[in-house]
Protein backbone atom coordinates (compact mmCIF):
# COMPACT_ATOMS: atom_id res chain seq x y z
CA MET A 1 -10.79 45.82 33.32
CA PHE A 2 -7.10 45.80 32.33
CA LEU A 3 -6.79 42.19 33.55
CA ARG A 4 -9.77 41.17 31.41
CA ASN A 5 -8.24 42.86 28.33
CA LYS A 6 -4.95 41.15 29.00
CA GLN A 7 -6.72 37.81 29.30
CA LEU A 8 -8.57 38.48 26.06
CA GLU A 9 -5.29 39.30 24.31
CA GLU A 10 -3.68 36.12 25.65
CA ALA A 11 -6.69 34.08 24.53
CA SER A 12 -6.51 35.74 21.12
CA GLN A 13 -2.81 34.90 20.86
CA LYS A 14 -3.48 31.31 21.83
CA ILE A 15 -6.26 31.07 19.25
CA ASP A 16 -3.85 32.44 16.63
CA GLU A 17 -1.30 29.80 17.64
CA LEU A 18 -3.98 27.13 17.35
CA ASN A 19 -4.89 28.38 13.88
CA ILE A 20 -1.22 28.22 12.87
CA ASN A 21 -1.02 24.67 14.21
CA LEU A 22 -4.21 23.75 12.38
CA ASN A 23 -2.84 25.20 9.15
CA SER A 24 0.34 23.20 9.65
CA SER A 25 -1.72 20.06 10.25
CA GLN A 26 -3.73 20.78 7.09
CA GLU A 27 -0.50 21.04 5.09
CA THR A 28 0.63 17.75 6.55
CA ILE A 29 -2.69 16.16 5.63
CA ASN A 30 -2.37 17.49 2.09
CA TYR A 31 1.13 16.04 1.92
CA LEU A 32 -0.18 12.71 3.19
CA LYS A 33 -2.97 12.79 0.60
CA GLN A 34 -0.36 13.33 -2.09
CA GLN A 35 1.71 10.45 -0.73
CA ILE A 36 -1.35 8.20 -0.70
CA GLN A 37 -2.13 9.17 -4.30
CA GLU A 38 1.43 8.30 -5.27
CA PHE A 39 1.05 5.05 -3.39
CA LYS A 40 -2.19 4.34 -5.27
CA ASP A 41 -0.46 5.07 -8.56
CA GLU A 42 2.39 2.75 -7.64
CA LEU A 43 -0.11 0.11 -6.58
CA GLN A 44 -1.89 0.49 -9.92
CA ARG A 45 1.42 0.09 -11.75
CA THR A 46 2.12 -3.01 -9.67
CA ARG A 47 -1.30 -4.39 -10.55
CA GLU A 48 -0.64 -3.77 -14.22
CA GLN A 49 2.74 -5.43 -13.96
CA ASN A 50 1.17 -8.42 -12.21
CA LYS A 51 -1.45 -8.57 -14.94
CA ALA A 52 1.26 -8.47 -17.59
CA HIS A 53 3.16 -11.24 -15.79
CA SER A 54 -0.03 -13.29 -15.61
CA ASN A 55 -0.65 -12.81 -19.32
CA GLU A 56 2.94 -13.74 -20.05
CA LEU A 57 2.58 -16.85 -17.89
CA LEU A 58 -0.60 -17.81 -19.75
CA GLN A 59 1.16 -17.34 -23.08
CA ASN A 60 4.03 -19.46 -21.83
CA LEU A 61 1.57 -22.13 -20.72
CA ILE A 62 -0.05 -22.11 -24.16
CA HIS A 63 3.36 -22.41 -25.81
CA VAL A 64 4.37 -25.15 -23.41
CA ARG A 65 1.10 -27.00 -24.07
CA SER A 66 1.58 -26.65 -27.84
CA ALA A 67 5.21 -27.75 -27.55
CA ARG A 68 4.14 -30.66 -25.40
CA GLU A 69 1.59 -31.80 -27.99
CA ARG A 70 4.19 -31.64 -30.77
CA PHE A 71 6.69 -33.39 -28.56
CA GLU A 72 4.25 -36.22 -27.87
CA GLU A 73 3.75 -36.73 -31.62
CA GLU A 74 7.49 -36.92 -32.07
CA LEU A 75 7.69 -39.40 -29.22
CA LYS A 76 5.17 -41.67 -30.89
CA ASP A 77 7.47 -41.87 -33.94
CA ILE A 78 10.51 -42.50 -31.77
CA LYS A 79 8.56 -45.06 -29.74
CA GLN A 80 8.35 -47.26 -32.80
CA ILE A 81 12.14 -47.21 -33.08
CA LYS A 82 13.23 -47.39 -29.45
CA LYS A 83 10.89 -47.44 -26.43
CA ALA A 84 13.75 -46.97 -24.02
CA ILE A 85 14.65 -43.53 -25.45
CA GLU A 86 11.04 -42.40 -25.16
CA VAL A 87 10.85 -43.23 -21.45
CA ASN A 88 14.06 -41.33 -20.64
CA LEU A 89 13.17 -38.26 -22.67
CA LEU A 90 9.64 -38.07 -21.29
CA ASN A 91 10.89 -38.26 -17.70
CA GLU A 92 13.42 -35.48 -18.31
CA VAL A 93 10.86 -33.24 -19.96
CA LYS A 94 8.31 -33.76 -17.20
CA THR A 95 10.89 -32.96 -14.52
CA SER A 96 11.95 -29.80 -16.34
CA LEU A 97 8.37 -28.65 -16.87
CA ASN A 98 7.43 -29.37 -13.26
CA ASP A 99 10.41 -27.34 -12.04
CA LYS A 100 9.49 -24.42 -14.28
CA PHE A 101 5.84 -24.57 -13.26
CA SER A 102 6.74 -24.82 -9.58
CA GLU A 103 9.06 -21.84 -9.87
CA ALA A 104 6.49 -19.77 -11.78
CA LEU A 105 3.73 -20.65 -9.29
CA HIS A 106 5.98 -19.78 -6.37
CA LYS A 107 6.76 -16.36 -7.89
CA LEU A 108 3.09 -15.77 -8.60
CA SER A 109 2.03 -16.68 -5.06
CA THR A 110 4.74 -14.37 -3.68
CA HIS A 111 3.47 -11.49 -5.81
CA ILE A 112 -0.10 -12.16 -4.75
CA GLY A 113 0.91 -12.25 -1.07
CA ASN A 114 2.77 -8.94 -1.40
CA TYR A 115 -0.17 -7.38 -3.21
CA ASN A 116 -2.61 -8.51 -0.50
CA GLU A 117 -0.33 -7.13 2.20
CA LEU A 118 -0.12 -3.77 0.43
CA SER A 119 -3.87 -3.71 -0.04
CA GLU A 120 -4.50 -4.34 3.69
CA LYS A 121 -2.06 -1.62 4.75
CA SER A 122 -3.60 0.81 2.26
CA SER A 123 -7.06 0.19 3.74
CA GLU A 124 -5.69 0.71 7.24
CA ILE A 125 -4.11 4.05 6.27
CA LYS A 126 -7.34 5.20 4.59
CA HIS A 127 -9.25 4.43 7.77
CA GLN A 128 -6.76 6.28 9.94
CA LEU A 129 -6.76 9.28 7.62
CA SER A 130 -10.55 9.39 7.74
CA SER A 131 -10.36 9.34 11.52
CA LEU A 132 -7.75 12.10 11.47
CA GLN A 133 -9.86 14.23 9.12
CA SER A 134 -12.85 13.77 11.39
CA GLU A 135 -10.85 14.92 14.39
CA ILE A 136 -9.52 17.93 12.50
CA LYS A 137 -13.05 18.89 11.45
CA LYS A 138 -14.11 18.64 15.07
CA LEU A 139 -11.23 20.92 16.06
CA GLN A 140 -12.12 23.41 13.34
CA SER A 141 -15.75 23.38 14.42
CA ILE A 142 -14.80 23.89 18.04
CA SER A 143 -12.36 26.69 17.25
CA SER A 144 -14.92 28.55 15.09
CA ASN A 145 -17.64 28.25 17.74
CA LEU A 146 -15.55 29.26 20.73
CA ARG A 147 -17.10 31.75 23.07
CA GLU A 148 -15.29 33.58 25.80
CA LYS A 149 -17.32 31.93 28.54
CA ASP A 150 -16.77 28.31 27.47
CA PHE A 151 -13.12 28.50 26.44
CA GLU A 152 -11.22 25.42 27.70
CA MET A 153 -7.59 25.50 26.63
CA GLU A 154 -6.61 22.24 28.32
CA LYS A 155 -9.10 20.28 26.27
CA PHE A 156 -7.71 21.69 23.04
CA ALA A 157 -4.15 21.00 24.14
CA LYS A 158 -4.99 17.35 24.85
CA GLN A 159 -6.74 16.95 21.50
CA LEU A 160 -3.80 18.52 19.69
CA LEU A 161 -1.40 16.18 21.48
CA GLU A 162 -3.54 13.21 20.46
CA LEU A 163 -3.61 14.43 16.86
CA ASP A 164 0.17 14.85 16.91
CA LYS A 165 0.52 11.29 18.21
CA GLU A 166 -1.77 10.01 15.45
CA LYS A 167 0.16 12.06 12.91
CA LEU A 168 3.47 10.57 14.08
CA GLU A 169 1.98 7.09 14.01
CA LEU A 170 0.70 7.66 10.47
CA MET A 171 4.10 8.96 9.40
CA ARG A 172 5.72 5.81 10.82
CA LYS A 173 3.24 3.64 8.98
CA ILE A 174 3.86 5.54 5.76
CA ASP A 175 7.60 4.97 6.23
CA SER A 176 7.00 1.25 6.70
CA LEU A 177 4.77 1.20 3.63
CA GLU A 178 7.45 2.96 1.60
CA ARG A 179 9.94 0.35 2.75
CA LEU A 180 7.50 -2.40 1.82
CA VAL A 181 6.89 -0.86 -1.61
CA SER A 182 10.65 -0.61 -2.08
CA LYS A 183 11.02 -4.30 -1.15
CA GLN A 184 8.18 -5.11 -3.55
CA ARG A 185 9.93 -3.25 -6.35
CA LYS A 186 13.18 -5.05 -5.64
CA SER A 187 11.45 -8.42 -5.66
CA LEU A 188 9.80 -7.58 -9.00
CA TYR A 189 13.11 -6.80 -10.60
């Protein structure tokens, strides 16, 4: 009888430890949720900045097009005086415009590539967090439905170790995402 009571007390202590660990995991999940929200906010700001850059590029294109039309009218007048000057000026302007367009398109494609990379990593983290939440719900369900006869501590220990591994992996991925966001910010400025 005393042995059974002692075993019950040990099981109760282990269940309490599991609850503490689960609470700690829940706090970590809440922290990760907050980090993801901050990441979403940063991603939204990046989208808005990209949109502003796109609008600015469109405005620049309109101004360039307007300037080009005016310039061509001026060239027609100059053409009557000296055709040689027209050819030289037109070649210089085209080269300059092509360089500016190439540079702007390169920057835009870089921003788009970075945005796509961030979007893919964000989706991957969401999937992993969903998986982690599912596992935690399973653990909570198992811990609330434990009966003395079907108590299997080894199974719980293995599941907790797997969750810890997933947690560490998620934390590493979050670190790499933060580094990527930092690189993205630096490239924007």
